[in-house]
Amino acid sequence: MQFIAGQPWAVFIILCLTLGLAPYNPPHLWEKLVMLSKGSLRRPIDWFDLFLHGVPWVLLLMKWITTLK
């Protein structure tokens, strides 16, 4: 958590806007979340995509939580 707290906000925002939203139309993360909610997220590549595009958002949330403390 100290590593995350020491990083500037811009790093996490840029990660979310690039990797977190890519390919932008529609956001890949949104597609994977819809697949997860429908139960059609079965292939390993889909799980990897969900992880890859979700990590920047999780890091941004962790940065926000450490800032609030």
N, C-alpha and C. Protein backbone atom coordinates (compact mmCIF):
# COMPACT_ATOMS: atom_id res chain seq x y z
N MET A 1 0.82 -1.20 0.00
CA MET A 1 0.00 0.00 0.00
C MET A 1 0.86 1.26 0.00
N GLN A 2 2.05 1.18 0.58
CA GLN A 2 2.92 2.34 0.58
C GLN A 2 3.36 2.69 -0.83
N PHE A 3 3.59 1.66 -1.64
CA PHE A 3 3.97 1.89 -3.04
C PHE A 3 2.87 2.65 -3.78
N ILE A 4 1.64 2.22 -3.58
CA ILE A 4 0.50 2.87 -4.25
C ILE A 4 0.32 4.29 -3.74
N ALA A 5 0.45 4.47 -2.43
CA ALA A 5 0.29 5.80 -1.85
C ALA A 5 1.37 6.77 -2.34
N GLY A 6 2.54 6.26 -2.66
CA GLY A 6 3.64 7.11 -3.10
C GLY A 6 3.58 7.51 -4.55
N GLN A 7 2.72 6.88 -5.33
CA GLN A 7 2.62 7.19 -6.75
C GLN A 7 1.68 8.37 -6.97
N PRO A 8 1.96 9.20 -7.98
CA PRO A 8 1.05 10.32 -8.26
C PRO A 8 -0.26 9.83 -8.90
N TRP A 9 -1.30 10.62 -8.70
CA TRP A 9 -2.62 10.29 -9.24
C TRP A 9 -2.57 10.12 -10.75
N ALA A 10 -1.75 10.90 -11.42
CA ALA A 10 -1.70 10.89 -12.89
C ALA A 10 -1.36 9.50 -13.43
N VAL A 11 -0.51 8.76 -12.73
CA VAL A 11 -0.14 7.42 -13.18
C VAL A 11 -1.36 6.53 -13.26
N PHE A 12 -2.19 6.54 -12.25
CA PHE A 12 -3.36 5.68 -12.20
C PHE A 12 -4.44 6.14 -13.17
N ILE A 13 -4.58 7.44 -13.32
CA ILE A 13 -5.58 7.97 -14.25
C ILE A 13 -5.20 7.64 -15.69
N ILE A 14 -3.92 7.78 -16.03
CA ILE A 14 -3.47 7.44 -17.38
C ILE A 14 -3.64 5.94 -17.64
N LEU A 15 -3.32 5.11 -16.64
CA LEU A 15 -3.51 3.66 -16.80
C LEU A 15 -4.98 3.33 -17.06
N CYS A 16 -5.88 3.97 -16.33
CA CYS A 16 -7.30 3.70 -16.50
C CYS A 16 -7.80 4.17 -17.87
N LEU A 17 -7.32 5.32 -18.31
CA LEU A 17 -7.79 5.86 -19.59
C LEU A 17 -7.21 5.11 -20.78
N THR A 18 -6.05 4.50 -20.62
CA THR A 18 -5.45 3.78 -21.75
C THR A 18 -5.78 2.29 -21.67
N LEU A 19 -5.17 1.60 -20.75
CA LEU A 19 -5.35 0.15 -20.65
C LEU A 19 -6.73 -0.22 -20.09
N GLY A 20 -7.22 0.57 -19.18
CA GLY A 20 -8.50 0.25 -18.54
C GLY A 20 -9.70 0.39 -19.45
N LEU A 21 -9.63 1.28 -20.43
CA LEU A 21 -10.77 1.49 -21.32
C LEU A 21 -10.55 0.96 -22.73
N ALA A 22 -9.33 0.60 -23.07
CA ALA A 22 -9.05 0.14 -24.44
C ALA A 22 -9.91 -1.06 -24.76
N PRO A 23 -10.40 -1.21 -25.92
CA PRO A 23 -10.31 -0.51 -27.19
C PRO A 23 -11.33 0.61 -27.38
N TYR A 24 -11.90 1.15 -26.36
CA TYR A 24 -12.70 2.38 -26.32
C TYR A 24 -14.12 2.30 -26.85
N ASN A 25 -14.41 1.53 -27.88
CA ASN A 25 -15.77 1.56 -28.41
C ASN A 25 -16.29 0.17 -28.66
N PRO A 26 -17.02 -0.45 -27.82
CA PRO A 26 -17.24 -0.14 -26.40
C PRO A 26 -16.04 -0.57 -25.58
N PRO A 27 -15.89 -0.02 -24.38
CA PRO A 27 -14.76 -0.41 -23.54
C PRO A 27 -14.73 -1.93 -23.31
N HIS A 28 -13.56 -2.49 -23.49
CA HIS A 28 -13.38 -3.94 -23.40
C HIS A 28 -13.75 -4.45 -22.00
N LEU A 29 -13.42 -3.67 -20.99
CA LEU A 29 -13.74 -4.06 -19.63
C LEU A 29 -15.26 -4.19 -19.46
N TRP A 30 -16.00 -3.27 -20.03
CA TRP A 30 -17.46 -3.32 -19.93
C TRP A 30 -18.00 -4.60 -20.58
N GLU A 31 -17.45 -4.95 -21.76
CA GLU A 31 -17.88 -6.18 -22.43
C GLU A 31 -17.62 -7.40 -21.55
N LYS A 32 -16.45 -7.43 -20.90
CA LYS A 32 -16.11 -8.58 -20.06
C LYS A 32 -16.98 -8.63 -18.80
N LEU A 33 -17.32 -7.49 -18.25
CA LEU A 33 -18.21 -7.47 -17.08
C LEU A 33 -19.61 -7.94 -17.44
N VAL A 34 -20.07 -7.57 -18.63
CA VAL A 34 -21.38 -8.04 -19.09
C VAL A 34 -21.34 -9.55 -19.29
N MET A 35 -20.25 -10.04 -19.90
CA MET A 35 -20.10 -11.49 -20.08
C MET A 35 -20.08 -12.20 -18.73
N LEU A 36 -19.40 -11.62 -17.75
CA LEU A 36 -19.34 -12.21 -16.41
C LEU A 36 -20.72 -12.27 -15.78
N SER A 37 -21.50 -11.20 -15.93
CA SER A 37 -22.83 -11.17 -15.33
C SER A 37 -23.79 -12.16 -16.00
N LYS A 38 -23.57 -12.43 -17.30
CA LYS A 38 -24.42 -13.38 -18.01
C LYS A 38 -23.93 -14.82 -17.86
N GLY A 39 -22.75 -14.99 -17.31
CA GLY A 39 -22.21 -16.33 -17.13
C GLY A 39 -21.54 -16.90 -18.37
N SER A 40 -21.21 -16.03 -19.33
CA SER A 40 -20.61 -16.52 -20.57
C SER A 40 -19.10 -16.29 -20.62
N LEU A 41 -18.52 -15.94 -19.51
CA LEU A 41 -17.07 -15.71 -19.43
C LEU A 41 -16.42 -17.05 -19.11
N ARG A 42 -16.08 -17.82 -20.14
CA ARG A 42 -15.60 -19.18 -19.94
C ARG A 42 -14.19 -19.42 -20.41
N ARG A 43 -13.79 -18.78 -21.50
CA ARG A 43 -12.46 -19.05 -22.05
C ARG A 43 -11.38 -18.37 -21.20
N PRO A 44 -10.21 -18.99 -21.10
CA PRO A 44 -9.12 -18.39 -20.32
C PRO A 44 -8.71 -17.01 -20.81
N ILE A 45 -8.78 -16.77 -22.11
CA ILE A 45 -8.41 -15.46 -22.65
C ILE A 45 -9.38 -14.38 -22.17
N ASP A 46 -10.64 -14.74 -21.99
CA ASP A 46 -11.62 -13.79 -21.48
C ASP A 46 -11.33 -13.42 -20.03
N TRP A 47 -10.95 -14.42 -19.23
CA TRP A 47 -10.58 -14.14 -17.83
C TRP A 47 -9.33 -13.27 -17.77
N PHE A 48 -8.36 -13.55 -18.65
CA PHE A 48 -7.15 -12.75 -18.70
C PHE A 48 -7.48 -11.31 -19.09
N ASP A 49 -8.35 -11.13 -20.09
CA ASP A 49 -8.76 -9.78 -20.50
C ASP A 49 -9.43 -9.04 -19.35
N LEU A 50 -10.31 -9.72 -18.63
CA LEU A 50 -10.97 -9.09 -17.49
C LEU A 50 -9.95 -8.64 -16.46
N PHE A 51 -8.98 -9.50 -16.17
CA PHE A 51 -7.93 -9.16 -15.22
C PHE A 51 -7.09 -8.00 -15.73
N LEU A 52 -6.65 -8.07 -16.99
CA LEU A 52 -5.77 -7.06 -17.57
C LEU A 52 -6.41 -5.68 -17.61
N HIS A 53 -7.66 -5.62 -18.02
CA HIS A 53 -8.33 -4.33 -18.14
C HIS A 53 -8.93 -3.86 -16.81
N GLY A 54 -9.04 -4.76 -15.84
CA GLY A 54 -9.59 -4.39 -14.54
C GLY A 54 -8.56 -3.91 -13.53
N VAL A 55 -7.32 -4.35 -13.67
CA VAL A 55 -6.26 -3.99 -12.71
C VAL A 55 -6.08 -2.48 -12.57
N PRO A 56 -6.05 -1.68 -13.65
CA PRO A 56 -5.89 -0.24 -13.45
C PRO A 56 -6.99 0.38 -12.59
N TRP A 57 -8.21 -0.11 -12.74
CA TRP A 57 -9.32 0.41 -11.95
C TRP A 57 -9.21 0.02 -10.49
N VAL A 58 -8.74 -1.19 -10.24
CA VAL A 58 -8.53 -1.64 -8.86
C VAL A 58 -7.42 -0.81 -8.22
N LEU A 59 -6.35 -0.55 -8.96
CA LEU A 59 -5.26 0.28 -8.43
C LEU A 59 -5.72 1.70 -8.15
N LEU A 60 -6.56 2.25 -9.03
CA LEU A 60 -7.10 3.60 -8.80
C LEU A 60 -7.97 3.62 -7.54
N LEU A 61 -8.77 2.60 -7.35
CA LEU A 61 -9.59 2.49 -6.15
C LEU A 61 -8.72 2.39 -4.90
N MET A 62 -7.66 1.60 -4.98
CA MET A 62 -6.75 1.47 -3.84
C MET A 62 -6.06 2.80 -3.54
N LYS A 63 -5.69 3.55 -4.57
CA LYS A 63 -5.08 4.87 -4.38
C LYS A 63 -6.08 5.81 -3.69
N TRP A 64 -7.32 5.75 -4.10
CA TRP A 64 -8.35 6.60 -3.51
C TRP A 64 -8.55 6.25 -2.05
N ILE A 65 -8.58 4.95 -1.73
CA ILE A 65 -8.76 4.52 -0.35
C ILE A 65 -7.57 4.95 0.53
N THR A 66 -6.34 4.79 0.01
CA THR A 66 -5.17 5.19 0.81
C THR A 66 -5.13 6.71 1.00
N THR A 67 -5.65 7.46 0.03
CA THR A 67 -5.69 8.91 0.17
C THR A 67 -6.70 9.33 1.24
N LEU A 68 -7.80 8.62 1.31
CA LEU A 68 -8.83 8.96 2.30
C LEU A 68 -8.36 8.68 3.73
N LYS A 69 -7.48 7.67 3.89
CA LYS A 69 -7.01 7.34 5.24
C LYS A 69 -6.06 8.33 5.70
